[in-house]
Amino acid sequence: MGGKELSDAERDQLLELCRQRLDAFREQRGEEVLGGDGLLGGVNT
């Protein structure tokens, strides 16, 4: 399943789940894992 096959609501849910997982990872491992502005600086909305 590609991103084009997802509805806007499904895409929003997926993004939220990804953000939650990243937040949990950062809490567990610390912000320094990504360093600087982070690897996903250009992806965050």
PDB file of N, CA and C in Angstrom:
ATOM      1  N   MET A   1       0.861  -1.182   0.000  1.00  0.00           N
ATOM      2  CA  MET A   1       0.000   0.000   0.000  1.00  0.00           C
ATOM      3  C   MET A   1       0.896   1.231   0.000  1.00  0.00           C
ATOM      4  N   GLY A   2       0.678   2.097  -0.936  1.00  0.00           N
ATOM      5  CA  GLY A   2       1.447   3.328  -1.025  1.00  0.00           C
ATOM      6  C   GLY A   2       0.707   4.487  -0.391  1.00  0.00           C
ATOM      7  N   GLY A   3       1.404   5.589  -0.226  1.00  0.00           N
ATOM      8  CA  GLY A   3       0.812   6.774   0.383  1.00  0.00           C
ATOM      9  C   GLY A   3      -0.359   7.344  -0.394  1.00  0.00           C
ATOM     10  N   LYS A   4      -0.377   7.131  -1.696  1.00  0.00           N
ATOM     11  CA  LYS A   4      -1.457   7.652  -2.527  1.00  0.00           C
ATOM     12  C   LYS A   4      -2.762   6.893  -2.291  1.00  0.00           C
ATOM     13  N   GLU A   5      -2.668   5.700  -1.723  1.00  0.00           N
ATOM     14  CA  GLU A   5      -3.844   4.881  -1.484  1.00  0.00           C
ATOM     15  C   GLU A   5      -4.501   5.190  -0.143  1.00  0.00           C
ATOM     16  N   LEU A   6      -3.895   6.061   0.655  1.00  0.00           N
ATOM     17  CA  LEU A   6      -4.432   6.418   1.964  1.00  0.00           C
ATOM     18  C   LEU A   6      -5.309   7.662   1.854  1.00  0.00           C
ATOM     19  N   SER A   7      -6.375   7.671   2.632  1.00  0.00           N
ATOM     20  CA  SER A   7      -7.196   8.881   2.702  1.00  0.00           C
ATOM     21  C   SER A   7      -6.440   9.918   3.533  1.00  0.00           C
ATOM     22  N   ASP A   8      -6.899  11.140   3.494  1.00  0.00           N
ATOM     23  CA  ASP A   8      -6.269  12.189   4.303  1.00  0.00           C
ATOM     24  C   ASP A   8      -6.300  11.827   5.779  1.00  0.00           C
ATOM     25  N   ALA A   9      -7.424  11.291   6.244  1.00  0.00           N
ATOM     26  CA  ALA A   9      -7.558  10.914   7.657  1.00  0.00           C
ATOM     27  C   ALA A   9      -6.598   9.784   8.016  1.00  0.00           C
ATOM     28  N   GLU A  10      -6.459   8.796   7.135  1.00  0.00           N
ATOM     29  CA  GLU A  10      -5.535   7.685   7.389  1.00  0.00           C
ATOM     30  C   GLU A  10      -4.100   8.173   7.410  1.00  0.00           C
ATOM     31  N   ARG A  11      -3.764   9.081   6.497  1.00  0.00           N
ATOM     32  CA  ARG A  11      -2.412   9.634   6.448  1.00  0.00           C
ATOM     33  C   ARG A  11      -2.114  10.422   7.725  1.00  0.00           C
ATOM     34  N   ASP A  12      -3.097  11.197   8.196  1.00  0.00           N
ATOM     35  CA  ASP A  12      -2.926  11.954   9.443  1.00  0.00           C
ATOM     36  C   ASP A  12      -2.717  11.021  10.627  1.00  0.00           C
ATOM     37  N   GLN A  13      -3.472   9.918  10.663  1.00  0.00           N
ATOM     38  CA  GLN A  13      -3.326   8.940  11.743  1.00  0.00           C
ATOM     39  C   GLN A  13      -1.934   8.319  11.713  1.00  0.00           C
ATOM     40  N   LEU A  14      -1.469   7.975  10.523  1.00  0.00           N
ATOM     41  CA  LEU A  14      -0.145   7.377  10.380  1.00  0.00           C
ATOM     42  C   LEU A  14       0.946   8.341  10.833  1.00  0.00           C
ATOM     43  N   LEU A  15       0.840   9.604  10.431  1.00  0.00           N
ATOM     44  CA  LEU A  15       1.818  10.604  10.857  1.00  0.00           C
ATOM     45  C   LEU A  15       1.823  10.766  12.374  1.00  0.00           C
ATOM     46  N   GLU A  16       0.642  10.766  12.975  1.00  0.00           N
ATOM     47  CA  GLU A  16       0.552  10.904  14.426  1.00  0.00           C
ATOM     48  C   GLU A  16       1.190   9.709  15.123  1.00  0.00           C
ATOM     49  N   LEU A  17       0.948   8.502  14.616  1.00  0.00           N
ATOM     50  CA  LEU A  17       1.576   7.313  15.198  1.00  0.00           C
ATOM     51  C   LEU A  17       3.095   7.384  15.088  1.00  0.00           C
ATOM     52  N   CYS A  18       3.589   7.850  13.948  1.00  0.00           N
ATOM     53  CA  CYS A  18       5.040   7.996  13.766  1.00  0.00           C
ATOM     54  C   CYS A  18       5.611   9.007  14.755  1.00  0.00           C
ATOM     55  N   ARG A  19       4.922  10.123  14.935  1.00  0.00           N
ATOM     56  CA  ARG A  19       5.389  11.142  15.882  1.00  0.00           C
ATOM     57  C   ARG A  19       5.405  10.596  17.306  1.00  0.00           C
ATOM     58  N   GLN A  20       4.372   9.817  17.662  1.00  0.00           N
ATOM     59  CA  GLN A  20       4.323   9.225  18.994  1.00  0.00           C
ATOM     60  C   GLN A  20       5.487   8.270  19.207  1.00  0.00           C
ATOM     61  N   ARG A  21       5.788   7.457  18.200  1.00  0.00           N
ATOM     62  CA  ARG A  21       6.915   6.517  18.304  1.00  0.00           C
ATOM     63  C   ARG A  21       8.242   7.257  18.418  1.00  0.00           C
ATOM     64  N   LEU A  22       8.399   8.333  17.634  1.00  0.00           N
ATOM     65  CA  LEU A  22       9.623   9.126  17.722  1.00  0.00           C
ATOM     66  C   LEU A  22       9.759   9.779  19.092  1.00  0.00           C
ATOM     67  N   ASP A  23       8.657  10.307  19.614  1.00  0.00           N
ATOM     68  CA  ASP A  23       8.693  10.915  20.947  1.00  0.00           C
ATOM     69  C   ASP A  23       9.091   9.889  22.007  1.00  0.00           C
ATOM     70  N   ALA A  24       8.512   8.685  21.913  1.00  0.00           N
ATOM     71  CA  ALA A  24       8.842   7.627  22.871  1.00  0.00           C
ATOM     72  C   ALA A  24      10.314   7.237  22.747  1.00  0.00           C
ATOM     73  N   PHE A  25      10.808   7.154  21.517  1.00  0.00           N
ATOM     74  CA  PHE A  25      12.213   6.811  21.290  1.00  0.00           C
ATOM     75  C   PHE A  25      13.124   7.880  21.884  1.00  0.00           C
ATOM     76  N   ARG A  26      12.783   9.141  21.648  1.00  0.00           N
ATOM     77  CA  ARG A  26      13.601  10.234  22.176  1.00  0.00           C
ATOM     78  C   ARG A  26      13.605  10.233  23.698  1.00  0.00           C
ATOM     79  N   GLU A  27      12.472   9.945  24.316  1.00  0.00           N
ATOM     80  CA  GLU A  27      12.413   9.878  25.774  1.00  0.00           C
ATOM     81  C   GLU A  27      13.274   8.745  26.301  1.00  0.00           C
ATOM     82  N   GLN A  28      13.264   7.625  25.591  1.00  0.00           N
ATOM     83  CA  GLN A  28      14.032   6.460  26.019  1.00  0.00           C
ATOM     84  C   GLN A  28      15.528   6.655  25.779  1.00  0.00           C
ATOM     85  N   ARG A  29      15.893   7.161  24.616  1.00  0.00           N
ATOM     86  CA  ARG A  29      17.295   7.252  24.208  1.00  0.00           C
ATOM     87  C   ARG A  29      17.907   8.631  24.369  1.00  0.00           C
ATOM     88  N   GLY A  30      17.080   9.646  24.430  1.00  0.00           N
ATOM     89  CA  GLY A  30      17.595  11.003  24.555  1.00  0.00           C
ATOM     90  C   GLY A  30      17.645  11.717  23.225  1.00  0.00           C
ATOM     91  N   GLU A  31      17.464  13.027  23.276  1.00  0.00           N
ATOM     92  CA  GLU A  31      17.456  13.852  22.062  1.00  0.00           C
ATOM     93  C   GLU A  31      18.778  13.786  21.303  1.00  0.00           C
ATOM     94  N   GLU A  32      19.893  13.526  22.010  1.00  0.00           N
ATOM     95  CA  GLU A  32      21.189  13.565  21.340  1.00  0.00           C
ATOM     96  C   GLU A  32      21.337  12.486  20.273  1.00  0.00           C
ATOM     97  N   VAL A  33      20.464  11.495  20.263  1.00  0.00           N
ATOM     98  CA  VAL A  33      20.546  10.437  19.253  1.00  0.00           C
ATOM     99  C   VAL A  33      20.428  11.024  17.855  1.00  0.00           C
ATOM    100  N   LEU A  34      19.535  11.975  17.681  1.00  0.00           N
ATOM    101  CA  LEU A  34      19.347  12.583  16.363  1.00  0.00           C
ATOM    102  C   LEU A  34      20.353  13.692  16.107  1.00  0.00           C
ATOM    103  N   GLY A  35      20.845  14.323  17.148  1.00  0.00           N
ATOM    104  CA  GLY A  35      21.835  15.369  17.012  1.00  0.00           C
ATOM    105  C   GLY A  35      21.308  16.618  16.326  1.00  0.00           C
ATOM    106  N   GLY A  36      21.874  17.752  16.650  1.00  0.00           N
ATOM    107  CA  GLY A  36      21.536  19.020  16.004  1.00  0.00           C
ATOM    108  C   GLY A  36      20.046  19.259  15.932  1.00  0.00           C
ATOM    109  N   ASP A  37      19.591  19.593  14.728  1.00  0.00           N
ATOM    110  CA  ASP A  37      18.173  19.839  14.491  1.00  0.00           C
ATOM    111  C   ASP A  37      17.412  18.539  14.281  1.00  0.00           C
ATOM    112  N   GLY A  38      18.118  17.421  14.225  1.00  0.00           N
ATOM    113  CA  GLY A  38      17.474  16.132  14.015  1.00  0.00           C
ATOM    114  C   GLY A  38      17.493  15.728  12.553  1.00  0.00           C
ATOM    115  N   LEU A  39      17.450  14.458  12.336  1.00  0.00           N
ATOM    116  CA  LEU A  39      17.476  13.939  10.975  1.00  0.00           C
ATOM    117  C   LEU A  39      16.209  14.234  10.216  1.00  0.00           C
ATOM    118  N   LEU A  40      15.110  14.446  10.934  1.00  0.00           N
ATOM    119  CA  LEU A  40      13.826  14.645  10.278  1.00  0.00           C
ATOM    120  C   LEU A  40      13.400  16.099  10.253  1.00  0.00           C
ATOM    121  N   GLY A  41      14.348  17.007  10.416  1.00  0.00           N
ATOM    122  CA  GLY A  41      14.020  18.425  10.470  1.00  0.00           C
ATOM    123  C   GLY A  41      13.206  18.915   9.282  1.00  0.00           C
ATOM    124  N   GLY A  42      13.489  18.405   8.098  1.00  0.00           N
ATOM    125  CA  GLY A  42      12.764  18.836   6.917  1.00  0.00           C
ATOM    126  C   GLY A  42      11.428  18.144   6.743  1.00  0.00           C
ATOM    127  N   VAL A  43      11.175  17.090   7.518  1.00  0.00           N
ATOM    128  CA  VAL A  43       9.950  16.323   7.374  1.00  0.00           C
ATOM    129  C   VAL A  43       8.868  16.807   8.320  1.00  0.00           C
ATOM    130  N   ASN A  44       9.271  17.298   9.477  1.00  0.00           N
ATOM    131  CA  ASN A  44       8.297  17.730  10.474  1.00  0.00           C
ATOM    132  C   ASN A  44       7.421  18.841   9.937  1.00  0.00           C
ATOM    133  N   THR A  45       6.156  18.812  10.312  1.00  0.00           N
ATOM    134  CA  THR A  45       5.219  19.851   9.856  1.00  0.00           C
ATOM    135  C   THR A  45       4.798  20.707  10.999  1.00  0.00           C
TER     136      THR A  45
END
